Amino acid sequence: MEPVFIRNTSDGRKVEVINGSVCVDGRPVADTLTEVKVHPNKEAILFALPNAAFMAGPVVLTAEEASVARGAMEAAKPSLSDRVTIEERFRKSWNKRAFECGIE
């Protein structure tokens, strides 16, 4: 899948969505977006950047940028009818459940 350009950072690095992850200069930094209003450090984020709406790891995104990123991340998700994908989802769910139960 082609990288989807989101924006350039203030120091010139590219923020893109590659294979379902938000990347800075080609290195993945997040695979999910977090709303600033539920972020634990929301006061500091909004003080520094009042138009911030979402966080992708350490990257702040406006609502428009997050919309583009969310669309690209959704398009990169594999088909749910693929057998390998289904088995991978079951494996991850099982491991997550075991971890939450304290089983290692």
Protein backbone atom coordinates (compact mmCIF):
# COMPACT_ATOMS: atom_id res chain seq x y z
CA MET A 1 0.00 0.00 0.00
CA GLU A 2 1.17 3.50 -0.80
CA PRO A 3 2.13 5.85 2.06
CA VAL A 4 -0.47 8.55 2.72
CA PHE A 5 1.09 11.95 3.43
CA ILE A 6 -0.42 13.81 6.40
CA ARG A 7 1.91 16.81 6.89
CA ASN A 8 5.47 17.94 7.52
CA THR A 9 6.65 18.61 11.05
CA SER A 10 8.14 21.97 11.99
CA ASP A 11 11.62 20.49 11.56
CA GLY A 12 10.86 19.11 8.09
CA ARG A 13 10.12 15.44 8.78
CA LYS A 14 7.22 13.76 6.98
CA VAL A 15 4.24 12.45 8.93
CA GLU A 16 2.63 9.63 6.92
CA VAL A 17 0.42 6.60 7.33
CA ILE A 18 2.27 3.49 6.16
CA ASN A 19 0.71 0.01 6.45
CA GLY A 20 -1.84 1.19 9.00
CA SER A 21 0.61 2.98 11.30
CA VAL A 22 1.32 6.68 11.71
CA CYS A 23 5.00 7.13 10.86
CA VAL A 24 7.48 9.97 11.19
CA ASP A 25 10.24 9.76 8.56
CA GLY A 26 9.18 6.19 7.79
CA ARG A 27 9.41 4.98 11.41
CA PRO A 28 6.14 3.86 13.03
CA VAL A 29 5.14 5.86 16.11
CA ALA A 30 1.49 4.80 16.63
CA ASP A 31 -1.14 2.46 15.32
CA THR A 32 -4.08 4.17 17.02
CA LEU A 33 -5.28 7.74 17.48
CA THR A 34 -6.19 9.12 20.90
CA GLU A 35 -8.52 12.06 21.37
CA VAL A 36 -6.91 14.93 23.22
CA LYS A 37 -9.98 15.33 25.46
CA VAL A 38 -9.35 11.87 26.98
CA HIS A 39 -5.54 12.10 26.96
CA PRO A 40 -3.97 12.16 30.46
CA ASN A 41 -1.88 15.24 29.58
CA LYS A 42 -4.60 17.19 27.77
CA GLU A 43 -4.05 20.51 29.57
CA ALA A 44 -0.41 20.74 28.51
CA ILE A 45 -1.21 19.66 24.95
CA LEU A 46 -4.00 22.23 24.55
CA PHE A 47 -1.87 24.94 26.15
CA ALA A 48 0.93 24.32 23.62
CA LEU A 49 -1.32 23.67 20.60
CA PRO A 50 -4.90 24.94 21.02
CA ASN A 51 -6.12 23.38 17.74
CA ALA A 52 -4.95 19.86 18.67
CA ALA A 53 -7.70 17.25 18.40
CA PHE A 54 -5.90 13.88 18.34
CA MET A 55 -2.58 12.35 19.35
CA ALA A 56 -0.80 9.63 17.39
CA GLY A 57 1.90 8.69 19.86
CA PRO A 58 4.00 11.86 20.22
CA VAL A 59 2.49 13.48 17.10
CA VAL A 60 -0.26 16.06 17.51
CA LEU A 61 -2.93 16.09 14.79
CA THR A 62 -5.71 18.52 14.00
CA ALA A 63 -9.20 17.19 13.29
CA GLU A 64 -8.62 17.36 9.51
CA GLU A 65 -5.26 15.58 9.70
CA ALA A 66 -6.73 12.93 12.00
CA SER A 67 -9.57 12.35 9.57
CA VAL A 68 -7.11 11.68 6.74
CA ALA A 69 -4.97 9.47 9.00
CA ARG A 70 -7.98 7.52 10.27
CA GLY A 71 -9.19 6.90 6.73
CA ALA A 72 -5.75 5.69 5.62
CA MET A 73 -5.43 3.44 8.67
CA GLU A 74 -8.87 1.96 8.02
CA ALA A 75 -8.05 1.33 4.35
CA ALA A 76 -4.85 -0.48 5.35
CA LYS A 77 -6.67 -2.98 7.57
CA PRO A 78 -6.65 -6.46 6.07
CA SER A 79 -9.85 -8.16 5.00
CA LEU A 80 -11.72 -9.88 7.83
CA SER A 81 -12.41 -12.89 5.61
CA ASP A 82 -8.72 -13.77 5.25
CA ARG A 83 -7.93 -16.93 7.25
CA VAL A 84 -4.48 -15.74 8.37
CA THR A 85 -5.95 -12.47 9.60
CA ILE A 86 -8.65 -14.26 11.56
CA GLU A 87 -6.11 -16.56 13.22
CA GLU A 88 -3.86 -13.58 14.07
CA ARG A 89 -6.78 -11.73 15.68
CA PHE A 90 -7.67 -14.80 17.76
CA ARG A 91 -4.03 -15.23 18.82
CA LYS A 92 -3.76 -11.58 19.91
CA SER A 93 -7.08 -11.72 21.76
CA TRP A 94 -6.10 -14.92 23.54
CA ASN A 95 -2.72 -13.50 24.58
CA LYS A 96 -4.32 -10.26 25.78
CA ARG A 97 -6.88 -12.18 27.84
CA ALA A 98 -4.17 -14.41 29.33
CA PHE A 99 -2.08 -11.35 30.22
CA GLU A 100 -5.05 -9.66 31.92
CA CYS A 101 -5.70 -12.82 33.94
CA GLY A 102 -2.08 -12.91 35.08
CA ILE A 103 -1.12 -15.96 33.04
CA GLU A 104 2.28 -15.63 31.44
